[in-house]
């Protein structure tokens, strides 16, 4: 009896594969949309959160506004620039 290699499976065409993956439960973003913004979950150390809250109070802003501003500055102007 001869040993034969199994036949190669035909992969799905690109469009079919994309359609299949688009139907996966984790394919779409989860969370709550608020206007044009997407709500996320963020884990932060208690010490840093306290400092963020103190800065927010000092500037008369919300915690979310301070975090958004910090992220915006980091992305638009670089993390290490002041």
C-alpha atoms as a PDB file:
ATOM      1  CA  UNK A   1       0.000   0.000   0.000  1.00  0.00           C
ATOM      2  CA  UNK A   2       1.422   3.389  -1.017  1.00  0.00           C
ATOM      3  CA  UNK A   3       1.451   6.418   1.251  1.00  0.00           C
ATOM      4  CA  UNK A   4      -0.195   9.391  -0.416  1.00  0.00           C
ATOM      5  CA  UNK A   5      -0.217  13.014   0.568  1.00  0.00           C
ATOM      6  CA  UNK A   6      -3.597  14.477   1.471  1.00  0.00           C
ATOM      7  CA  UNK A   7      -5.135  16.718  -1.132  1.00  0.00           C
ATOM      8  CA  UNK A   8      -4.538  20.414  -0.551  1.00  0.00           C
ATOM      9  CA  UNK A   9      -7.609  22.238   0.642  1.00  0.00           C
ATOM     10  CA  UNK A  10      -8.722  25.127  -1.493  1.00  0.00           C
ATOM     11  CA  UNK A  11      -8.623  28.310   0.574  1.00  0.00           C
ATOM     12  CA  UNK A  12     -11.627  30.560   0.356  1.00  0.00           C
ATOM     13  CA  UNK A  13     -11.355  33.303  -2.246  1.00  0.00           C
ATOM     14  CA  UNK A  14     -10.488  36.710  -0.756  1.00  0.00           C
ATOM     15  CA  UNK A  15     -14.046  38.082  -0.928  1.00  0.00           C
ATOM     16  CA  UNK A  16     -15.511  34.930   0.585  1.00  0.00           C
ATOM     17  CA  UNK A  17     -12.921  34.983   3.371  1.00  0.00           C
ATOM     18  CA  UNK A  18     -13.613  38.660   4.083  1.00  0.00           C
ATOM     19  CA  UNK A  19     -17.364  38.026   4.177  1.00  0.00           C
ATOM     20  CA  UNK A  20     -16.863  35.065   6.507  1.00  0.00           C
ATOM     21  CA  UNK A  21     -14.673  37.068   8.914  1.00  0.00           C
ATOM     22  CA  UNK A  22     -17.087  40.022   8.841  1.00  0.00           C
ATOM     23  CA  UNK A  23     -19.784  37.740  10.291  1.00  0.00           C
ATOM     24  CA  UNK A  24     -17.637  36.744  13.283  1.00  0.00           C
ATOM     25  CA  UNK A  25     -18.982  37.876  16.679  1.00  0.00           C
ATOM     26  CA  UNK A  26     -15.873  39.959  17.364  1.00  0.00           C
ATOM     27  CA  UNK A  27     -15.721  41.525  13.902  1.00  0.00           C
ATOM     28  CA  UNK A  28     -17.504  44.703  14.851  1.00  0.00           C
ATOM     29  CA  UNK A  29     -16.483  47.214  17.443  1.00  0.00           C
ATOM     30  CA  UNK A  30     -18.234  46.868  20.718  1.00  0.00           C
ATOM     31  CA  UNK A  31     -19.075  49.568  23.163  1.00  0.00           C
ATOM     32  CA  UNK A  32     -21.205  52.611  23.136  1.00  0.00           C
ATOM     33  CA  UNK A  33     -21.044  55.322  20.514  1.00  0.00           C
ATOM     34  CA  UNK A  34     -21.645  58.823  21.808  1.00  0.00           C
ATOM     35  CA  UNK A  35     -22.135  61.129  18.869  1.00  0.00           C
ATOM     36  CA  UNK A  36     -18.985  60.887  16.808  1.00  0.00           C
ATOM     37  CA  UNK A  37     -16.980  59.351  19.663  1.00  0.00           C
ATOM     38  CA  UNK A  38     -16.426  55.734  20.710  1.00  0.00           C
ATOM     39  CA  UNK A  39     -16.522  54.773  24.374  1.00  0.00           C
ATOM     40  CA  UNK A  40     -13.563  52.669  25.548  1.00  0.00           C
ATOM     41  CA  UNK A  41     -12.436  51.038  28.755  1.00  0.00           C
ATOM     42  CA  UNK A  42      -9.203  52.227  30.338  1.00  0.00           C
ATOM     43  CA  UNK A  43      -7.261  50.727  33.220  1.00  0.00           C
ATOM     44  CA  UNK A  44      -5.074  53.196  35.101  1.00  0.00           C
ATOM     45  CA  UNK A  45      -3.130  53.112  38.357  1.00  0.00           C
ATOM     46  CA  UNK A  46      -4.858  54.700  41.355  1.00  0.00           C
ATOM     47  CA  UNK A  47      -1.968  57.142  41.837  1.00  0.00           C
ATOM     48  CA  UNK A  48      -2.113  58.383  38.251  1.00  0.00           C
ATOM     49  CA  UNK A  49      -5.905  58.606  38.371  1.00  0.00           C
ATOM     50  CA  UNK A  50      -5.660  60.766  41.486  1.00  0.00           C
ATOM     51  CA  UNK A  51      -3.262  63.106  39.677  1.00  0.00           C
ATOM     52  CA  UNK A  52      -5.557  63.245  36.633  1.00  0.00           C
ATOM     53  CA  UNK A  53      -8.509  64.093  38.881  1.00  0.00           C
ATOM     54  CA  UNK A  54      -6.513  66.808  40.659  1.00  0.00           C
ATOM     55  CA  UNK A  55      -5.493  68.357  37.340  1.00  0.00           C
ATOM     56  CA  UNK A  56      -9.063  68.184  36.059  1.00  0.00           C
ATOM     57  CA  UNK A  57     -10.327  69.957  39.171  1.00  0.00           C
ATOM     58  CA  UNK A  58      -7.595  72.592  38.938  1.00  0.00           C
ATOM     59  CA  UNK A  59      -8.450  73.303  35.283  1.00  0.00           C
ATOM     60  CA  UNK A  60     -12.215  73.051  35.748  1.00  0.00           C
ATOM     61  CA  UNK A  61     -12.448  70.188  33.281  1.00  0.00           C
ATOM     62  CA  UNK A  62     -13.795  66.662  33.414  1.00  0.00           C
ATOM     63  CA  UNK A  63     -11.585  63.627  33.862  1.00  0.00           C
ATOM     64  CA  UNK A  64     -12.497  62.521  30.329  1.00  0.00           C
ATOM     65  CA  UNK A  65     -11.527  65.920  28.895  1.00  0.00           C
ATOM     66  CA  UNK A  66      -8.080  65.747  30.517  1.00  0.00           C
ATOM     67  CA  UNK A  67      -7.488  62.196  29.271  1.00  0.00           C
ATOM     68  CA  UNK A  68      -8.665  63.130  25.756  1.00  0.00           C
ATOM     69  CA  UNK A  69      -6.384  66.173  25.726  1.00  0.00           C
ATOM     70  CA  UNK A  70      -3.383  64.105  26.863  1.00  0.00           C
ATOM     71  CA  UNK A  71      -4.013  61.466  24.199  1.00  0.00           C
ATOM     72  CA  UNK A  72      -4.526  64.117  21.520  1.00  0.00           C
ATOM     73  CA  UNK A  73      -1.271  65.862  22.417  1.00  0.00           C
ATOM     74  CA  UNK A  74       0.612  62.557  22.499  1.00  0.00           C
ATOM     75  CA  UNK A  75      -0.690  61.516  19.094  1.00  0.00           C
ATOM     76  CA  UNK A  76      -0.507  64.874  17.325  1.00  0.00           C
ATOM     77  CA  UNK A  77       2.679  66.284  18.840  1.00  0.00           C
ATOM     78  CA  UNK A  78       4.617  63.222  19.965  1.00  0.00           C
ATOM     79  CA  UNK A  79       4.884  61.613  23.366  1.00  0.00           C
ATOM     80  CA  UNK A  80       8.140  63.226  24.425  1.00  0.00           C
ATOM     81  CA  UNK A  81       7.635  66.772  23.151  1.00  0.00           C
ATOM     82  CA  UNK A  82       6.501  69.467  25.527  1.00  0.00           C
END
